[in-house]
């Protein structure tokens, strides 16, 4: 699922000489497959509410025809920067920066955008890190201390800053403030609706795969803040939440058992 075998990719081995090391909070958060999938999808839903971030994907990527590939590349980036050696992590960060340098265009309303705009990168960083951590806390470590939450954001700030994001939050409190600041620039339009439709209708060959995909989508919607669900015209019915959360937790436990 997470490695493109046609390109010779194999799972990234955990190395102690990377950006973080075995004692980092990011090592335990990013190592849980189910919560990372749920958090990743929720993060995408938040990202696409920013018109300039969405425009960069819309105009310059094959996201609409190869969403699985896009998700796989994102997972690969997370794996390399979290668990790879420092040289590997810095190399993939540099490659992403060079790609961003070539991505620019014009929004439907005529405003220009640049993918290496620090504010746009800050939104992507904010949504990803927040959703990854929130999913981890919901499905793996609900009693996580505020100190460890702050450590996670401080660790991930290294990657955000290296990619050129600004501002980059270093604490949970700072993420909440940045969300409030950036919400004014968000928008739900026809492009957002189309990407959401594609996200919901990814082809899966097996019935089990379809079931897990549907559950992941529902868990991601449930993870979104209320204001984001309202912008997406999505509902998270109170009566169905316990079922969604219990089912997702069951899948998470099964995957953890299988990996062990």
Protein backbone atom coordinates (compact mmCIF):
# COMPACT_ATOMS: atom_id res chain seq x y z
CA UNK A 1 0.00 0.00 0.00
CA UNK A 2 2.73 2.48 0.94
CA UNK A 3 5.60 1.63 -1.41
CA UNK A 4 5.67 1.87 -5.20
CA UNK A 5 7.24 -1.42 -6.19
CA UNK A 6 7.48 -0.33 -9.84
CA UNK A 7 10.05 2.22 -8.65
CA UNK A 8 11.86 -0.30 -6.48
CA UNK A 9 10.59 1.20 -3.23
CA UNK A 10 10.77 -0.90 -0.07
CA UNK A 11 9.67 -0.09 3.50
CA UNK A 12 11.86 2.53 5.18
CA UNK A 13 13.97 0.97 7.96
CA UNK A 14 14.06 2.81 11.27
CA UNK A 15 17.42 4.49 11.80
CA UNK A 16 18.56 6.22 14.99
CA UNK A 17 20.61 8.84 13.08
CA UNK A 18 17.65 10.67 11.54
CA UNK A 19 15.98 13.98 12.35
CA UNK A 20 14.34 12.65 15.53
CA UNK A 21 15.47 9.32 16.93
CA UNK A 22 13.73 6.44 18.76
CA UNK A 23 12.62 8.53 21.75
CA UNK A 24 10.77 11.09 19.65
CA UNK A 25 7.01 11.37 19.98
CA UNK A 26 6.81 11.41 16.16
CA UNK A 27 8.28 7.88 16.09
CA UNK A 28 5.34 6.43 17.97
CA UNK A 29 2.64 8.60 16.36
CA UNK A 30 3.71 7.98 12.75
CA UNK A 31 4.20 4.24 13.24
CA UNK A 32 0.49 3.44 13.61
CA UNK A 33 -1.00 2.56 10.22
CA UNK A 34 -4.71 2.98 10.95
CA UNK A 35 -4.54 6.31 12.76
CA UNK A 36 -2.17 7.69 10.10
CA UNK A 37 -4.60 6.70 7.36
CA UNK A 38 -7.53 8.32 9.17
CA UNK A 39 -5.48 11.41 9.99
CA UNK A 40 -4.12 11.63 6.46
CA UNK A 41 -7.58 11.62 4.87
CA UNK A 42 -8.87 14.16 7.40
CA UNK A 43 -5.84 16.33 6.68
CA UNK A 44 -6.61 16.24 2.95
CA UNK A 45 -10.18 17.33 3.63
CA UNK A 46 -8.91 20.32 5.58
CA UNK A 47 -6.20 21.20 3.06
CA UNK A 48 -8.60 21.35 0.13
CA UNK A 49 -10.59 24.09 1.88
CA UNK A 50 -7.73 26.51 1.15
CA UNK A 51 -8.30 27.71 -2.45
CA UNK A 52 -4.61 28.30 -3.23
CA UNK A 53 -3.50 24.93 -1.84
CA UNK A 54 -6.27 23.23 -3.82
CA UNK A 55 -5.33 25.16 -6.98
CA UNK A 56 -1.75 23.91 -6.81
CA UNK A 57 -2.96 20.32 -6.66
CA UNK A 58 -5.67 20.92 -9.28
CA UNK A 59 -3.37 22.59 -11.81
CA UNK A 60 -0.09 20.75 -11.32
CA UNK A 61 -0.67 17.17 -10.19
CA UNK A 62 -2.40 13.97 -11.30
CA UNK A 63 -4.27 13.86 -8.00
CA UNK A 64 -7.64 13.47 -9.71
CA UNK A 65 -6.53 10.44 -11.74
CA UNK A 66 -4.05 8.87 -9.31
CA UNK A 67 -5.12 9.66 -5.77
CA UNK A 68 -3.63 6.40 -4.50
CA UNK A 69 -0.26 7.46 -5.88
CA UNK A 70 -0.53 10.86 -4.25
CA UNK A 71 -1.37 9.31 -0.89
CA UNK A 72 1.47 6.82 -1.29
CA UNK A 73 3.97 9.60 -2.02
CA UNK A 74 2.81 11.51 1.05
CA UNK A 75 3.21 8.39 3.19
CA UNK A 76 6.70 7.87 1.75
CA UNK A 77 7.67 11.44 2.63
CA UNK A 78 6.43 10.98 6.21
CA UNK A 79 8.30 7.68 6.54
CA UNK A 80 11.59 9.06 5.22
CA UNK A 81 11.54 12.23 7.30
CA UNK A 82 10.46 10.39 10.45
CA UNK A 83 12.44 7.15 10.31
CA UNK A 84 15.10 7.56 7.61
CA UNK A 85 18.64 8.74 8.16
CA UNK A 86 19.35 12.47 8.20
CA UNK A 87 20.79 12.37 4.67
CA UNK A 88 17.66 10.65 3.33
CA UNK A 89 15.34 13.06 5.14
CA UNK A 90 17.17 16.15 3.96
CA UNK A 91 17.28 14.82 0.40
CA UNK A 92 13.51 14.26 0.18
CA UNK A 93 12.83 17.67 1.76
CA UNK A 94 15.10 19.28 -0.83
CA UNK A 95 13.34 17.45 -3.64
CA UNK A 96 9.93 18.66 -2.46
CA UNK A 97 11.20 22.24 -2.25
CA UNK A 98 12.48 22.07 -5.83
CA UNK A 99 9.10 20.77 -7.01
CA UNK A 100 7.31 23.58 -5.18
CA UNK A 101 9.56 26.15 -6.86
CA UNK A 102 8.03 25.18 -10.21
CA UNK A 103 4.40 25.24 -9.08
CA UNK A 104 2.58 28.53 -9.55
CA UNK A 105 -0.52 29.81 -11.26
CA UNK A 106 -3.68 31.86 -11.00
CA UNK A 107 -6.78 31.24 -8.92
CA UNK A 108 -10.23 31.32 -10.57
CA UNK A 109 -10.71 34.83 -9.13
CA UNK A 110 -7.49 36.07 -10.77
CA UNK A 111 -5.18 36.06 -7.76
CA UNK A 112 -1.73 34.53 -8.28
CA UNK A 113 -0.45 31.69 -6.10
CA UNK A 114 2.92 30.02 -5.49
CA UNK A 115 3.33 26.60 -3.92
CA UNK A 116 6.40 27.79 -2.01
CA UNK A 117 4.41 30.59 -0.38
CA UNK A 118 5.24 30.20 3.34
CA UNK A 119 1.60 30.75 4.33
CA UNK A 120 0.30 27.97 2.06
CA UNK A 121 2.98 25.61 3.32
CA UNK A 122 2.01 26.57 6.87
CA UNK A 123 -1.60 25.52 6.19
CA UNK A 124 -0.54 22.14 4.80
CA UNK A 125 1.80 21.58 7.75
CA UNK A 126 -0.82 22.65 10.28
CA UNK A 127 -3.56 20.40 8.92
CA UNK A 128 -1.36 17.32 8.54
CA UNK A 129 0.29 17.45 11.94
CA UNK A 130 -2.93 18.26 13.78
CA UNK A 131 -4.89 15.44 12.10
CA UNK A 132 -2.11 12.88 12.55
CA UNK A 133 -1.89 13.64 16.25
CA UNK A 134 -5.67 13.82 16.78
CA UNK A 135 -6.15 10.44 15.10
CA UNK A 136 -3.36 8.93 17.21
CA UNK A 137 -4.96 10.22 20.38
CA UNK A 138 -8.40 8.95 19.40
CA UNK A 139 -7.37 5.46 18.35
CA UNK A 140 -4.14 4.75 20.23
CA UNK A 141 -3.32 7.07 23.13
CA UNK A 142 -6.34 9.03 24.39
CA UNK A 143 -4.57 9.96 27.61
CA UNK A 144 -1.57 11.54 25.90
CA UNK A 145 -0.10 14.30 28.06
CA UNK A 146 -0.08 17.91 26.90
CA UNK A 147 3.70 17.88 27.28
CA UNK A 148 3.97 15.07 24.72
CA UNK A 149 1.51 16.80 22.42
CA UNK A 150 3.65 19.92 22.52
CA UNK A 151 6.77 17.82 21.93
CA UNK A 152 5.19 16.36 18.81
CA UNK A 153 4.42 19.77 17.35
CA UNK A 154 7.91 21.03 18.25
CA UNK A 155 9.49 18.01 16.55
CA UNK A 156 7.40 18.37 13.42
CA UNK A 157 8.13 22.10 13.30
CA UNK A 158 11.63 21.13 12.13
CA UNK A 159 10.16 19.62 8.96
CA UNK A 160 7.70 22.45 8.42
CA UNK A 161 10.45 25.06 8.71
CA UNK A 162 12.78 23.05 6.45
CA UNK A 163 10.05 23.02 3.77
CA UNK A 164 9.67 26.79 4.07
CA UNK A 165 6.44 27.00 6.08
CA UNK A 166 5.87 30.11 8.17
CA UNK A 167 4.40 30.44 10.74
CA UNK A 168 5.02 26.98 12.19
CA UNK A 169 3.35 26.11 15.52
CA UNK A 170 5.47 24.53 18.25
CA UNK A 171 2.67 23.77 20.74
CA UNK A 172 -0.94 22.60 20.79
CA UNK A 173 -2.05 26.08 21.88
CA UNK A 174 -0.23 27.62 18.91
CA UNK A 175 -2.03 25.27 16.49
CA UNK A 176 -5.42 26.36 17.83
CA UNK A 177 -4.49 30.02 17.41
CA UNK A 178 -3.22 29.46 13.86
CA UNK A 179 -6.43 27.66 12.88
CA UNK A 180 -8.47 30.63 14.09
CA UNK A 181 -6.22 33.00 12.15
CA UNK A 182 -6.31 31.08 8.86
CA UNK A 183 -9.98 30.08 8.77
CA UNK A 184 -10.94 33.43 7.21
CA UNK A 185 -9.18 32.46 3.98
CA UNK A 186 -10.92 29.11 3.51
CA UNK A 187 -13.49 28.35 0.83
CA UNK A 188 -15.77 25.52 -0.28
CA UNK A 189 -16.52 25.57 -4.02
CA UNK A 190 -17.03 23.30 -7.04
CA UNK A 191 -13.38 22.25 -7.07
CA UNK A 192 -13.54 21.28 -3.41
CA UNK A 193 -16.71 19.29 -4.06
CA UNK A 194 -15.10 17.46 -7.00
CA UNK A 195 -11.97 16.47 -5.06
CA UNK A 196 -14.19 15.28 -2.22
CA UNK A 197 -16.21 13.16 -4.65
CA UNK A 198 -13.02 11.56 -5.98
CA UNK A 199 -11.76 10.94 -2.46
CA UNK A 200 -14.98 9.12 -1.58
CA UNK A 201 -15.08 6.99 -4.73
CA UNK A 202 -11.61 5.47 -4.92
CA UNK A 203 -11.74 2.06 -6.66
CA UNK A 204 -11.07 -0.96 -4.45
CA UNK A 205 -11.05 -4.53 -5.73
CA UNK A 206 -12.26 -6.48 -2.71
CA UNK A 207 -15.30 -6.21 -0.48
CA UNK A 208 -13.04 -6.07 2.59
CA UNK A 209 -11.06 -3.26 1.00
CA UNK A 210 -14.24 -1.32 0.23
CA UNK A 211 -15.44 -1.78 3.80
CA UNK A 212 -12.17 -0.55 5.31
CA UNK A 213 -12.04 2.35 2.85
CA UNK A 214 -15.58 3.41 3.75
CA UNK A 215 -14.82 3.11 7.46
CA UNK A 216 -11.62 5.16 7.09
CA UNK A 217 -13.59 7.87 5.29
CA UNK A 218 -16.25 7.99 8.00
CA UNK A 219 -13.61 8.04 10.74
CA UNK A 220 -11.83 10.92 8.95
CA UNK A 221 -15.07 12.91 8.68
CA UNK A 222 -15.71 12.25 12.36
CA UNK A 223 -12.20 13.52 13.17
CA UNK A 224 -12.77 16.89 11.47
CA UNK A 225 -13.62 19.91 13.61
CA UNK A 226 -17.30 20.84 13.49
CA UNK A 227 -16.70 23.98 11.43
CA UNK A 228 -14.85 21.98 8.74
CA UNK A 229 -17.64 19.38 8.49
CA UNK A 230 -20.12 22.21 8.03
CA UNK A 231 -18.04 23.77 5.26
CA UNK A 232 -17.90 20.39 3.48
CA UNK A 233 -21.69 19.92 3.94
CA UNK A 234 -20.95 16.69 5.81
CA UNK A 235 -22.76 15.18 8.75
CA UNK A 236 -21.35 13.19 11.64
CA UNK A 237 -24.43 11.83 13.36
CA UNK A 238 -24.04 11.53 17.10
CA UNK A 239 -25.71 8.10 17.13
CA UNK A 240 -23.25 6.65 14.59
CA UNK A 241 -20.07 8.01 16.17
CA UNK A 242 -19.68 5.21 18.76
CA UNK A 243 -20.01 2.59 16.03
CA UNK A 244 -17.51 4.34 13.74
CA UNK A 245 -15.00 4.80 16.53
CA UNK A 246 -15.36 1.28 17.92
CA UNK A 247 -15.04 -0.26 14.45
CA UNK A 248 -11.99 1.83 13.57
CA UNK A 249 -10.39 1.00 16.91
CA UNK A 250 -10.99 -2.70 16.18
CA UNK A 251 -9.29 -2.40 12.79
CA UNK A 252 -6.39 -0.50 14.41
CA UNK A 253 -5.92 -3.23 17.03
CA UNK A 254 -5.99 -5.95 14.37
CA UNK A 255 -3.37 -4.17 12.25
CA UNK A 256 -1.14 -3.63 15.30
CA UNK A 257 -1.43 -7.33 16.17
CA UNK A 258 -0.54 -8.27 12.57
CA UNK A 259 2.52 -6.01 12.55
CA UNK A 260 3.72 -7.42 15.85
